[in-house]
C-alpha atoms as a PDB file:
ATOM      1  CA  MET A   1     193.451  33.269-213.254  1.00  0.00           C
ATOM      2  CA  GLY A   2     197.239  32.916-213.284  1.00  0.00           C
ATOM      3  CA  ARG A   3     199.143  29.918-214.568  1.00  0.00           C
ATOM      4  CA  LYS A   4     199.537  27.210-211.926  1.00  0.00           C
ATOM      5  CA  LEU A   5     203.128  26.639-210.858  1.00  0.00           C
ATOM      6  CA  ASN A   6     204.609  23.199-211.434  1.00  0.00           C
ATOM      7  CA  LEU A   7     206.263  22.127-208.165  1.00  0.00           C
ATOM      8  CA  LEU A   8     207.075  18.572-209.241  1.00  0.00           C
ATOM      9  CA  GLY A   9     210.602  17.559-208.222  1.00  0.00           C
ATOM     10  CA  GLN A  10     211.225  20.658-206.103  1.00  0.00           C
ATOM     11  CA  LYS A  11     212.472  20.580-202.500  1.00  0.00           C
ATOM     12  CA  PHE A  12     210.892  22.579-199.662  1.00  0.00           C
ATOM     13  CA  GLY A  13     212.670  22.015-196.371  1.00  0.00           C
ATOM     14  CA  ARG A  14     212.563  18.245-195.884  1.00  0.00           C
ATOM     15  CA  TRP A  15     209.766  17.809-198.436  1.00  0.00           C
ATOM     16  CA  GLU A  16     210.333  16.612-201.997  1.00  0.00           C
ATOM     17  CA  VAL A  17     207.348  17.027-204.326  1.00  0.00           C
ATOM     18  CA  ILE A  18     206.741  13.677-206.035  1.00  0.00           C
ATOM     19  CA  GLY A  19     203.336  14.167-207.626  1.00  0.00           C
ATOM     20  CA  GLU A  20     200.244  16.313-208.037  1.00  0.00           C
ATOM     21  CA  ALA A  21     197.221  15.634-205.810  1.00  0.00           C
ATOM     22  CA  LYS A  22     193.537  16.377-206.248  1.00  0.00           C
ATOM     23  CA  PRO A  23     192.649  20.054-205.533  1.00  0.00           C
ATOM     24  CA  ARG A  24     190.461  20.723-202.497  1.00  0.00           C
ATOM     25  CA  ARG A  25     188.724  23.866-201.239  1.00  0.00           C
ATOM     26  CA  LYS A  26     189.937  25.686-204.400  1.00  0.00           C
ATOM     27  CA  MET A  27     193.562  25.056-203.395  1.00  0.00           C
ATOM     28  CA  SER A  28     196.215  23.023-205.209  1.00  0.00           C
ATOM     29  CA  TYR A  29     197.719  20.079-203.316  1.00  0.00           C
ATOM     30  CA  TRP A  30     200.954  18.221-204.021  1.00  0.00           C
ATOM     31  CA  LEU A  31     202.029  14.754-202.933  1.00  0.00           C
ATOM     32  CA  CYS A  32     205.259  15.149-200.971  1.00  0.00           C
ATOM     33  CA  ARG A  33     207.777  12.732-199.481  1.00  0.00           C
ATOM     34  CA  CYS A  34     209.629  13.745-196.340  1.00  0.00           C
ATOM     35  CA  GLU A  35     213.292  12.915-195.766  1.00  0.00           C
ATOM     36  CA  CYS A  36     212.155  10.551-192.996  1.00  0.00           C
ATOM     37  CA  GLY A  37     210.059   8.589-195.534  1.00  0.00           C
ATOM     38  CA  ASN A  38     206.550   9.805-194.689  1.00  0.00           C
ATOM     39  CA  GLU A  39     204.314  10.941-197.540  1.00  0.00           C
ATOM     40  CA  ARG A  40     201.518  13.511-197.352  1.00  0.00           C
ATOM     41  CA  GLU A  41     199.428  15.788-199.547  1.00  0.00           C
ATOM     42  CA  VAL A  42     200.404  19.410-198.842  1.00  0.00           C
ATOM     43  CA  VAL A  43     198.891  22.726-199.941  1.00  0.00           C
ATOM     44  CA  GLY A  44     201.103  24.222-202.655  1.00  0.00           C
ATOM     45  CA  ALA A  45     200.889  27.719-201.179  1.00  0.00           C
ATOM     46  CA  ASP A  46     202.128  26.420-197.806  1.00  0.00           C
ATOM     47  CA  LEU A  47     205.152  24.902-199.522  1.00  0.00           C
ATOM     48  CA  LYS A  48     205.971  28.131-201.354  1.00  0.00           C
ATOM     49  CA  ARG A  49     205.596  30.255-198.205  1.00  0.00           C
ATOM     50  CA  GLY A  50     207.684  27.888-196.094  1.00  0.00           C
ATOM     51  CA  MET A  51     204.745  27.083-193.799  1.00  0.00           C
ATOM     52  CA  SER A  52     205.148  23.338-194.332  1.00  0.00           C
ATOM     53  CA  GLU A  53     208.702  21.998-194.366  1.00  0.00           C
ATOM     54  CA  SER A  54     208.261  18.398-193.219  1.00  0.00           C
ATOM     55  CA  CYS A  55     205.750  15.801-192.045  1.00  0.00           C
ATOM     56  CA  GLY A  56     206.259  17.071-188.511  1.00  0.00           C
ATOM     57  CA  CYS A  57     209.661  15.546-187.801  1.00  0.00           C
ATOM     58  CA  LEU A  58     211.435  18.864-188.372  1.00  0.00           C
ATOM     59  CA  ASN A  59     209.129  20.595-185.915  1.00  0.00           C
ATOM     60  CA  ALA A  60     209.629  17.763-183.422  1.00  0.00           C
ATOM     61  CA  ASP A  61     213.384  18.195-183.721  1.00  0.00           C
ATOM     62  CA  LYS A  62     213.087  21.958-183.252  1.00  0.00           C
ATOM     63  CA  ASN A  63     210.788  21.521-180.256  1.00  0.00           C
ATOM     64  CA  SER A  64     213.160  19.013-178.666  1.00  0.00           C
ATOM     65  CA  GLU A  65     216.005  21.480-179.042  1.00  0.00           C
ATOM     66  CA  SER A  66     213.944  24.436-177.858  1.00  0.00           C
ATOM     67  CA  ARG A  67     212.899  22.670-174.669  1.00  0.00           C
ATOM     68  CA  THR A  68     216.507  22.555-173.587  1.00  0.00           C
ATOM     69  CA  THR A  69     217.675  25.990-174.789  1.00  0.00           C
ATOM     70  CA  HIS A  70     215.109  28.760-174.472  1.00  0.00           C
ATOM     71  CA  GLY A  71     213.397  27.988-171.152  1.00  0.00           C
ATOM     72  CA  LEU A  72     209.944  28.851-172.549  1.00  0.00           C
ATOM     73  CA  SER A  73     208.494  25.490-171.563  1.00  0.00           C
ATOM     74  CA  ARG A  74     207.606  27.009-168.181  1.00  0.00           C
ATOM     75  CA  HIS A  75     205.188  29.491-169.809  1.00  0.00           C
ATOM     76  CA  ARG A  76     201.575  28.397-169.237  1.00  0.00           C
ATOM     77  CA  PHE A  77     200.756  28.566-172.961  1.00  0.00           C
ATOM     78  CA  TYR A  78     203.927  26.958-174.306  1.00  0.00           C
ATOM     79  CA  HIS A  79     202.225  23.584-174.627  1.00  0.00           C
ATOM     80  CA  THR A  80     199.331  25.333-176.373  1.00  0.00           C
ATOM     81  CA  TRP A  81     201.880  26.370-179.014  1.00  0.00           C
ATOM     82  CA  LEU A  82     203.249  22.831-179.272  1.00  0.00           C
ATOM     83  CA  ASN A  83     199.779  21.309-179.584  1.00  0.00           C
ATOM     84  CA  MET A  84     198.762  23.905-182.191  1.00  0.00           C
ATOM     85  CA  LEU A  85     201.760  23.004-184.361  1.00  0.00           C
ATOM     86  CA  ASP A  86     201.274  19.261-183.864  1.00  0.00           C
ATOM     87  CA  ARG A  87     197.657  19.186-185.040  1.00  0.00           C
ATOM     88  CA  CYS A  88     198.411  21.417-188.039  1.00  0.00           C
ATOM     89  CA  CYS A  89     201.793  20.026-189.112  1.00  0.00           C
ATOM     90  CA  ASP A  90     202.254  16.505-187.765  1.00  0.00           C
ATOM     91  CA  SER A  91     200.374  13.851-189.761  1.00  0.00           C
ATOM     92  CA  SER A  92     200.893  11.368-186.903  1.00  0.00           C
ATOM     93  CA  CYS A  93     198.939  13.591-184.479  1.00  0.00           C
ATOM     94  CA  PRO A  94     195.464  12.144-183.667  1.00  0.00           C
ATOM     95  CA  ASN A  95     193.843  15.543-184.375  1.00  0.00           C
ATOM     96  CA  TYR A  96     195.704  16.174-187.646  1.00  0.00           C
ATOM     97  CA  GLU A  97     192.716  15.021-189.727  1.00  0.00           C
ATOM     98  CA  ASN A  98     190.575  17.853-188.311  1.00  0.00           C
ATOM     99  CA  TYR A  99     193.257  20.520-188.775  1.00  0.00           C
ATOM    100  CA  GLY A 100     196.283  20.071-191.044  1.00  0.00           C
ATOM    101  CA  LYS A 101     194.541  17.657-193.387  1.00  0.00           C
ATOM    102  CA  ARG A 102     191.719  20.195-193.807  1.00  0.00           C
ATOM    103  CA  GLY A 103     194.241  22.863-194.792  1.00  0.00           C
ATOM    104  CA  ILE A 104     194.330  24.634-191.415  1.00  0.00           C
ATOM    105  CA  SER A 105     197.795  26.083-190.840  1.00  0.00           C
ATOM    106  CA  VAL A 106     199.718  28.276-188.392  1.00  0.00           C
ATOM    107  CA  CYS A 107     200.804  31.742-189.502  1.00  0.00           C
ATOM    108  CA  GLU A 108     204.494  32.000-190.313  1.00  0.00           C
ATOM    109  CA  GLU A 109     205.302  34.296-187.352  1.00  0.00           C
ATOM    110  CA  TRP A 110     203.862  31.884-184.791  1.00  0.00           C
ATOM    111  CA  TYR A 111     205.145  28.801-186.597  1.00  0.00           C
ATOM    112  CA  ARG A 112     208.754  29.968-186.566  1.00  0.00           C
ATOM    113  CA  ASP A 113     208.895  31.801-183.237  1.00  0.00           C
ATOM    114  CA  PRO A 114     207.226  30.544-180.025  1.00  0.00           C
ATOM    115  CA  THR A 115     208.123  33.823-178.291  1.00  0.00           C
ATOM    116  CA  ALA A 116     205.889  35.726-180.741  1.00  0.00           C
ATOM    117  CA  PHE A 117     202.967  33.425-179.939  1.00  0.00           C
ATOM    118  CA  LEU A 118     203.520  33.602-176.186  1.00  0.00           C
ATOM    119  CA  ALA A 119     203.810  37.409-176.321  1.00  0.00           C
ATOM    120  CA  TRP A 120     200.461  37.544-178.140  1.00  0.00           C
ATOM    121  CA  CYS A 121     198.923  35.252-175.509  1.00  0.00           C
ATOM    122  CA  ASP A 122     200.150  37.523-172.714  1.00  0.00           C
ATOM    123  CA  SER A 123     198.767  40.590-174.508  1.00  0.00           C
ATOM    124  CA  GLN A 124     195.281  39.002-174.482  1.00  0.00           C
ATOM    125  CA  GLU A 125     195.360  38.696-170.679  1.00  0.00           C
ATOM    126  CA  PRO A 126     193.328  35.457-170.761  1.00  0.00           C
ATOM    127  CA  GLU A 127     191.349  34.547-167.683  1.00  0.00           C
ATOM    128  CA  GLU A 128     192.045  31.316-165.822  1.00  0.00           C
ATOM    129  CA  GLY A 129     190.260  28.423-167.515  1.00  0.00           C
ATOM    130  CA  HIS A 130     190.083  30.131-170.913  1.00  0.00           C
ATOM    131  CA  SER A 131     191.696  28.411-173.893  1.00  0.00           C
ATOM    132  CA  LEU A 132     192.751  29.250-177.445  1.00  0.00           C
ATOM    133  CA  ASP A 133     189.937  29.321-180.005  1.00  0.00           C
ATOM    134  CA  ARG A 134     189.707  30.191-183.717  1.00  0.00           C
ATOM    135  CA  ILE A 135     186.937  32.694-184.473  1.00  0.00           C
ATOM    136  CA  ASN A 136     186.404  31.235-187.951  1.00  0.00           C
ATOM    137  CA  ASN A 137     186.675  27.453-187.829  1.00  0.00           C
ATOM    138  CA  GLU A 138     187.691  27.387-191.486  1.00  0.00           C
ATOM    139  CA  GLY A 139     190.488  29.908-190.865  1.00  0.00           C
ATOM    140  CA  ASN A 140     194.089  29.513-189.765  1.00  0.00           C
ATOM    141  CA  TYR A 141     195.847  30.108-186.479  1.00  0.00           C
ATOM    142  CA  GLU A 142     196.832  33.777-186.702  1.00  0.00           C
ATOM    143  CA  PRO A 143     196.322  36.826-184.452  1.00  0.00           C
ATOM    144  CA  SER A 144     193.316  38.168-186.385  1.00  0.00           C
ATOM    145  CA  ASN A 145     191.482  34.829-186.151  1.00  0.00           C
ATOM    146  CA  CYS A 146     192.271  33.754-182.587  1.00  0.00           C
ATOM    147  CA  ARG A 147     191.001  34.585-179.125  1.00  0.00           C
ATOM    148  CA  PHE A 148     190.791  33.087-175.644  1.00  0.00           C
ATOM    149  CA  VAL A 149     187.327  31.952-174.539  1.00  0.00           C
ATOM    150  CA  ASN A 150     185.688  29.801-171.887  1.00  0.00           C
ATOM    151  CA  LYS A 151     184.532  26.232-172.525  1.00  0.00           C
ATOM    152  CA  VAL A 152     180.910  27.214-173.231  1.00  0.00           C
ATOM    153  CA  THR A 153     181.866  29.692-175.960  1.00  0.00           C
ATOM    154  CA  GLN A 154     184.365  27.258-177.420  1.00  0.00           C
ATOM    155  CA  SER A 155     181.863  24.414-177.476  1.00  0.00           C
ATOM    156  CA  ARG A 156     179.355  26.636-179.289  1.00  0.00           C
ATOM    157  CA  ASN A 157     181.994  27.424-181.932  1.00  0.00           C
ATOM    158  CA  ARG A 158     182.900  23.809-182.706  1.00  0.00           C
ATOM    159  CA  ARG A 159     182.181  22.400-186.180  1.00  0.00           C
ATOM    160  CA  ASP A 160     180.601  19.319-184.589  1.00  0.00           C
ATOM    161  CA  ASN A 161     178.671  21.344-182.027  1.00  0.00           C
ATOM    162  CA  VAL A 162     175.437  19.792-180.702  1.00  0.00           C
ATOM    163  CA  LEU A 163     172.520  22.203-180.252  1.00  0.00           C
ATOM    164  CA  VAL A 164     169.640  21.268-177.954  1.00  0.00           C
ATOM    165  CA  ASP A 165     166.146  22.776-178.312  1.00  0.00           C
ATOM    166  CA  TYR A 166     164.469  22.930-174.908  1.00  0.00           C
ATOM    167  CA  ASN A 167     161.913  25.188-173.268  1.00  0.00           C
ATOM    168  CA  GLY A 168     161.972  27.634-176.185  1.00  0.00           C
ATOM    169  CA  GLU A 169     165.769  27.938-176.142  1.00  0.00           C
ATOM    170  CA  LYS A 170     168.420  26.686-178.563  1.00  0.00           C
ATOM    171  CA  LEU A 171     171.500  25.934-176.473  1.00  0.00           C
ATOM    172  CA  CYS A 172     174.830  24.290-177.201  1.00  0.00           C
ATOM    173  CA  LEU A 173     175.248  21.057-175.287  1.00  0.00           C
ATOM    174  CA  MET A 174     177.516  22.532-172.603  1.00  0.00           C
ATOM    175  CA  GLU A 175     175.095  25.423-171.955  1.00  0.00           C
ATOM    176  CA  PHE A 176     172.161  23.008-171.770  1.00  0.00           C
ATOM    177  CA  PHE A 177     174.074  20.771-169.355  1.00  0.00           C
ATOM    178  CA  GLN A 178     175.057  23.642-167.061  1.00  0.00           C
ATOM    179  CA  LYS A 179     171.552  25.093-166.997  1.00  0.00           C
ATOM    180  CA  TYR A 180     169.301  22.032-166.812  1.00  0.00           C
ATOM    181  CA  SER A 181     171.125  18.770-166.145  1.00  0.00           C
ATOM    182  CA  VAL A 182     170.501  17.018-162.816  1.00  0.00           C
ATOM    183  CA  VAL A 183     173.185  14.400-163.457  1.00  0.00           C
ATOM    184  CA  SER A 184     176.937  14.593-163.999  1.00  0.00           C
ATOM    185  CA  TYR A 185     178.287  15.159-167.498  1.00  0.00           C
ATOM    186  CA  ASP A 186     179.785  11.649-167.561  1.00  0.00           C
ATOM    187  CA  THR A 187     176.401  10.159-166.658  1.00  0.00           C
ATOM    188  CA  MET A 188     174.645  12.181-169.370  1.00  0.00           C
ATOM    189  CA  ASP A 189     177.303  11.233-171.931  1.00  0.00           C
ATOM    190  CA  ARG A 190     177.098   7.554-171.007  1.00  0.00           C
ATOM    191  CA  ARG A 191     173.319   7.596-171.364  1.00  0.00           C
ATOM    192  CA  VAL A 192     173.465   9.338-174.753  1.00  0.00           C
ATOM    193  CA  LYS A 193     175.966   6.769-176.038  1.00  0.00           C
ATOM    194  CA  SER A 194     173.549   4.028-174.990  1.00  0.00           C
ATOM    195  CA  GLY A 195     170.832   5.586-177.168  1.00  0.00           C
ATOM    196  CA  MET A 196     169.019   8.018-174.858  1.00  0.00           C
ATOM    197  CA  GLY A 197     168.174  11.537-176.106  1.00  0.00           C
ATOM    198  CA  TYR A 198     170.084  14.500-174.649  1.00  0.00           C
ATOM    199  CA  ILE A 199     167.100  15.980-172.773  1.00  0.00           C
ATOM    200  CA  GLU A 200     166.091  12.691-171.190  1.00  0.00           C
ATOM    201  CA  ALA A 201     169.709  11.797-170.444  1.00  0.00           C
ATOM    202  CA  ALA A 202     170.357  15.092-168.674  1.00  0.00           C
ATOM    203  CA  MET A 203     167.077  15.525-166.790  1.00  0.00           C
ATOM    204  CA  THR A 204     166.267  12.037-165.546  1.00  0.00           C
ATOM    205  CA  PRO A 205     167.374  11.701-161.887  1.00  0.00           C
ATOM    206  CA  CYS A 206     169.342   8.624-160.934  1.00  0.00           C
ATOM    207  CA  SER A 207     167.847   5.958-158.705  1.00  0.00           C
ATOM    208  CA  GLU A 208     170.778   6.197-156.299  1.00  0.00           C
ATOM    209  CA  ARG A 209     171.222   9.732-155.040  1.00  0.00           C
ATOM    210  CA  ARG A 210     175.008   9.997-154.724  1.00  0.00           C
ATOM    211  CA  ARG A 211     176.248  13.376-156.002  1.00  0.00           C
ATOM    212  CA  ASP A 212     179.496  14.859-157.232  1.00  0.00           C
ATOM    213  CA  SER A 213     181.134  18.105-156.058  1.00  0.00           C
ATOM    214  CA  LEU A 214     178.778  20.145-158.293  1.00  0.00           C
ATOM    215  CA  GLY A 215     175.690  18.526-156.820  1.00  0.00           C
ATOM    216  CA  LYS A 216     174.978  16.429-159.935  1.00  0.00           C
ATOM    217  CA  TYR A 217     173.754  12.844-159.612  1.00  0.00           C
ATOM    218  CA  ILE A 218     176.464  10.404-160.683  1.00  0.00           C
ATOM    219  CA  ILE A 219     174.831   6.953-160.431  1.00  0.00           C
END
């Protein structure tokens, strides 16, 4: 195993390394302070490769500029690119804890160039209603680990996926809902949050028989 590099005091973009943090997932982390004042623990390899240059403020500045100069904001997956960068690079993003904080990053090509990401999206010819999904949930956003899938496939691939055993089948929650539920998803979700099991919540008809556009009971 090679000697670990000492990054203390070095500058990477807007980051200044101010201390060493506890290693996680066999990766070294460093406590960094951004020029804007925010502090965050960052993977050392991401600093060295230029994949993390700020707490997210640099990316926000670049995105603000790009919205007014390159005209890509009209592409249907441009906001997918923005959201991908936000959850991996911006510690103020609500989803950062499940992505950037876990060490999930965006490959350098996509991080630096939205046109490269949008060209890849177009090459996949995604169907309407399909969204970006990582094949390996522990992997990064990069061409070899990404695809476009429908909501059922994506829900099955989630780390917090709920599997329901019913009638000899093991189904993810969305599959179970689509196949067996007689109530709307909101009704099932509300019942589950009140303490009812998924099967009972999905298959118990409502007393009032008003239905939504899919024919599911909603009362």
